[in-house]
Amino acid sequence: MVDHKVEALSEDTVTIDGEKWPSKTVIWTSGVKNNPFFLTHSEYFNISENGRVKVNRYLEAFKDVYVLGDNADTRYSGRAYTALQDAIFVADHLERRAVKKLLKPYRPSRVSQSVPVGHNWAYVEKYGIYLAGRSGYTVRRLIELANLRSLLPHNQALSAWHAYDKRDGSCELCKIRPVPKVEKA
């Protein structure tokens, strides 16, 4: 479902546009919005035109105050991968400062774009190379495996990766209440 407002989430329901849907598992993605803290305290932060906080080459808004993820005005911000990359950078940066090692500037890496379109079909862009169809799907799945391996131990990553293709067809809700179609603009 797209273009619908998620209003509440409990252990066994999700409320969308005032209607409760029974569910034990919800995957919810939404647009990014910067934390209002920064605009509320704009006398302390240099806010860019896009509403994000300007940071130096070490992700500092000012000395010892780091801003990362959706709130930082960096290349590729607004994506989960970039936020994770920012957090890893800040952790390494703080460790380097603590042991008085040479500090490295932040260098965001290009994020791949990947859109699943249907069963065994996807569109992928990585390093300026574009793939669609079955080959896009294969590359998308390999990217997913690499991402899982960066977050989980090897066996758990493989298990999670293989679980993607397991479908038991037992979703009673989907059989009774089909997902509403969204009008194309």
Protein backbone atom coordinates (compact mmCIF):
# COMPACT_ATOMS: atom_id res chain seq x y z
CA MET A 1 0.00 0.00 0.00
CA VAL A 2 1.34 3.43 -0.85
CA ASP A 3 0.10 6.94 -0.09
CA HIS A 4 -1.71 5.83 3.08
CA LYS A 5 -1.26 7.14 6.60
CA VAL A 6 -0.11 4.69 9.28
CA GLU A 7 -1.70 6.01 12.47
CA ALA A 8 -0.96 3.35 15.08
CA LEU A 9 0.79 0.04 15.60
CA SER A 10 0.14 -2.54 18.33
CA GLU A 11 1.18 -6.14 18.93
CA ASP A 12 -1.54 -7.50 16.66
CA THR A 13 -2.89 -4.62 14.55
CA VAL A 14 -1.82 -1.73 12.40
CA THR A 15 -4.19 1.23 11.91
CA ILE A 16 -4.07 2.68 8.41
CA ASP A 17 -6.25 5.65 7.50
CA GLY A 18 -8.50 4.95 10.50
CA GLU A 19 -8.97 1.26 9.67
CA LYS A 20 -7.45 -1.49 11.83
CA TRP A 21 -5.74 -4.37 10.06
CA PRO A 22 -4.79 -7.51 11.98
CA SER A 23 -1.09 -8.28 11.67
CA LYS A 24 1.76 -9.79 13.65
CA THR A 25 4.37 -8.46 11.20
CA VAL A 26 4.45 -4.97 9.71
CA ILE A 27 7.08 -3.63 7.34
CA TRP A 28 6.63 0.10 7.16
CA THR A 29 8.74 2.49 5.12
CA SER A 30 8.06 6.18 5.01
CA GLY A 31 9.56 9.38 3.81
CA VAL A 32 12.29 10.97 5.86
CA LYS A 33 11.74 14.02 8.00
CA ASN A 34 14.50 15.67 9.95
CA ASN A 35 14.24 15.80 13.70
CA PRO A 36 12.54 19.09 14.66
CA PHE A 37 15.15 19.57 17.41
CA PHE A 38 17.57 21.13 14.94
CA LEU A 39 15.16 23.74 13.55
CA THR A 40 13.91 24.50 17.07
CA HIS A 41 17.51 25.24 18.04
CA SER A 42 18.60 26.82 14.77
CA GLU A 43 20.59 29.46 16.65
CA TYR A 44 23.11 26.68 17.38
CA PHE A 45 23.02 24.81 14.05
CA ASN A 46 23.74 25.93 10.51
CA ILE A 47 20.69 24.66 8.61
CA SER A 48 20.91 24.17 4.85
CA GLU A 49 18.11 24.99 2.38
CA ASN A 50 16.92 21.36 2.47
CA GLY A 51 16.45 21.56 6.26
CA ARG A 52 19.43 19.39 7.10
CA VAL A 53 22.28 20.39 9.39
CA LYS A 54 25.53 21.45 7.76
CA VAL A 55 28.45 19.42 9.11
CA ASN A 56 32.22 19.49 8.71
CA ARG A 57 34.33 16.74 7.20
CA TYR A 58 34.06 14.74 10.44
CA LEU A 59 30.23 15.00 10.63
CA GLU A 60 30.42 17.61 13.38
CA ALA A 61 27.92 20.47 13.47
CA PHE A 62 30.40 22.08 15.86
CA LYS A 63 33.13 20.75 18.16
CA ASP A 64 32.15 17.39 19.70
CA VAL A 65 28.56 17.56 18.40
CA TYR A 66 28.01 15.03 15.63
CA VAL A 67 24.99 14.99 13.34
CA LEU A 68 24.38 11.99 11.11
CA GLY A 69 21.78 10.08 9.16
CA ASP A 70 18.77 11.93 7.77
CA ASN A 71 19.66 15.06 9.73
CA ALA A 72 23.14 15.63 8.25
CA ASP A 73 23.52 17.59 5.05
CA THR A 74 25.80 15.07 3.35
CA ARG A 75 25.77 13.43 -0.04
CA TYR A 76 23.34 10.48 -0.14
CA SER A 77 21.70 11.37 3.20
CA GLY A 78 18.10 10.26 3.65
CA ARG A 79 18.88 6.57 3.14
CA ALA A 80 19.24 3.84 5.72
CA TYR A 81 22.55 2.65 4.31
CA THR A 82 24.01 6.14 4.56
CA ALA A 83 22.86 6.48 8.18
CA LEU A 84 24.56 3.17 9.02
CA GLN A 85 27.71 4.30 7.20
CA ASP A 86 27.62 7.59 9.16
CA ALA A 87 27.34 5.76 12.50
CA ILE A 88 30.26 3.47 11.66
CA PHE A 89 32.32 6.49 10.64
CA VAL A 90 31.59 8.39 13.89
CA ALA A 91 32.41 5.31 16.02
CA ASP A 92 35.74 4.89 14.20
CA HIS A 93 36.42 8.63 14.42
CA LEU A 94 35.86 8.68 18.20
CA GLU A 95 38.11 5.64 18.63
CA ARG A 96 40.83 7.32 16.55
CA ARG A 97 40.57 10.47 18.66
CA ALA A 98 40.77 8.46 21.90
CA VAL A 99 44.01 6.71 20.88
CA LYS A 100 45.39 9.79 19.12
CA LYS A 101 45.47 8.24 15.63
CA LEU A 102 45.35 10.25 12.43
CA LEU A 103 41.75 11.38 11.78
CA LYS A 104 40.25 10.50 8.43
CA PRO A 105 37.60 12.72 6.80
CA TYR A 106 34.15 11.33 6.08
CA ARG A 107 33.67 10.05 2.54
CA PRO A 108 30.15 8.87 1.75
CA SER A 109 29.98 6.03 -0.70
CA ARG A 110 27.51 5.83 -3.50
CA VAL A 111 24.41 3.89 -2.62
CA SER A 112 23.02 1.36 -5.06
CA GLN A 113 19.42 1.70 -6.17
CA SER A 114 17.30 -1.39 -6.33
CA VAL A 115 13.60 -1.84 -6.97
CA PRO A 116 11.88 -5.25 -6.89
CA VAL A 117 9.24 -5.26 -9.61
CA GLY A 118 7.80 -8.76 -9.45
CA HIS A 119 8.69 -12.39 -9.02
CA ASN A 120 12.30 -12.83 -10.23
CA TRP A 121 12.34 -9.32 -11.71
CA ALA A 122 14.07 -6.17 -10.43
CA TYR A 123 15.73 -2.96 -11.52
CA VAL A 124 19.21 -2.24 -10.12
CA GLU A 125 21.68 0.61 -10.53
CA LYS A 126 25.13 0.24 -9.00
CA TYR A 127 28.33 2.05 -9.96
CA GLY A 128 26.54 3.59 -12.94
CA ILE A 129 25.57 0.18 -14.34
CA TYR A 130 21.86 -0.47 -14.88
CA LEU A 131 20.25 -3.91 -14.93
CA ALA A 132 16.63 -4.93 -15.28
CA GLY A 133 14.72 -8.18 -15.40
CA ARG A 134 16.10 -11.49 -14.21
CA SER A 135 19.70 -10.22 -14.15
CA GLY A 136 18.58 -7.23 -12.05
CA TYR A 137 16.83 -9.60 -9.66
CA THR A 138 19.97 -11.75 -9.31
CA VAL A 139 22.19 -8.74 -8.59
CA ARG A 140 19.60 -7.35 -6.14
CA ARG A 141 19.59 -10.62 -4.21
CA LEU A 142 23.42 -10.67 -4.10
CA ILE A 143 23.43 -7.09 -2.78
CA GLU A 144 20.90 -8.13 -0.11
CA LEU A 145 23.14 -11.03 0.91
CA ALA A 146 26.17 -8.74 1.19
CA ASN A 147 24.16 -6.30 3.31
CA LEU A 148 22.90 -9.07 5.59
CA ARG A 149 26.46 -10.41 5.99
CA SER A 150 27.61 -6.97 7.10
CA LEU A 151 24.98 -6.99 9.87
CA LEU A 152 24.71 -10.63 10.97
CA PRO A 153 26.92 -13.64 11.58
CA HIS A 154 27.39 -15.69 8.39
CA ASN A 155 24.88 -18.48 9.20
CA GLN A 156 22.17 -16.05 10.32
CA ALA A 157 22.71 -13.92 7.22
CA LEU A 158 22.32 -16.95 4.95
CA SER A 159 19.25 -18.08 6.85
CA ALA A 160 17.59 -14.68 6.53
CA TRP A 161 18.56 -14.46 2.87
CA HIS A 162 17.08 -17.88 2.05
CA ALA A 163 13.89 -17.07 3.99
CA TYR A 164 13.02 -14.42 1.40
CA ASP A 165 12.02 -17.04 -1.15
CA LYS A 166 9.93 -19.13 1.25
CA ARG A 167 6.24 -18.42 0.86
CA ASP A 168 3.62 -20.60 2.41
CA GLY A 169 0.54 -18.93 0.90
CA SER A 170 -1.29 -19.06 4.22
CA CYS A 171 -1.96 -15.34 4.66
CA GLU A 172 -5.69 -15.42 5.27
CA LEU A 173 -5.90 -11.63 5.41
CA CYS A 174 -4.54 -11.33 1.87
CA LYS A 175 -7.11 -13.82 0.59
CA ILE A 176 -10.05 -12.06 2.28
CA ARG A 177 -9.02 -8.43 2.00
CA PRO A 178 -6.93 -7.60 -1.07
CA VAL A 179 -4.60 -4.63 -0.91
CA PRO A 180 -6.33 -1.57 -2.42
CA LYS A 181 -5.07 -0.44 -5.80
CA VAL A 182 -3.61 3.03 -6.05
CA GLU A 183 -4.58 5.22 -8.99
CA LYS A 184 -1.67 6.17 -11.23
CA ALA A 185 -1.07 9.86 -11.65
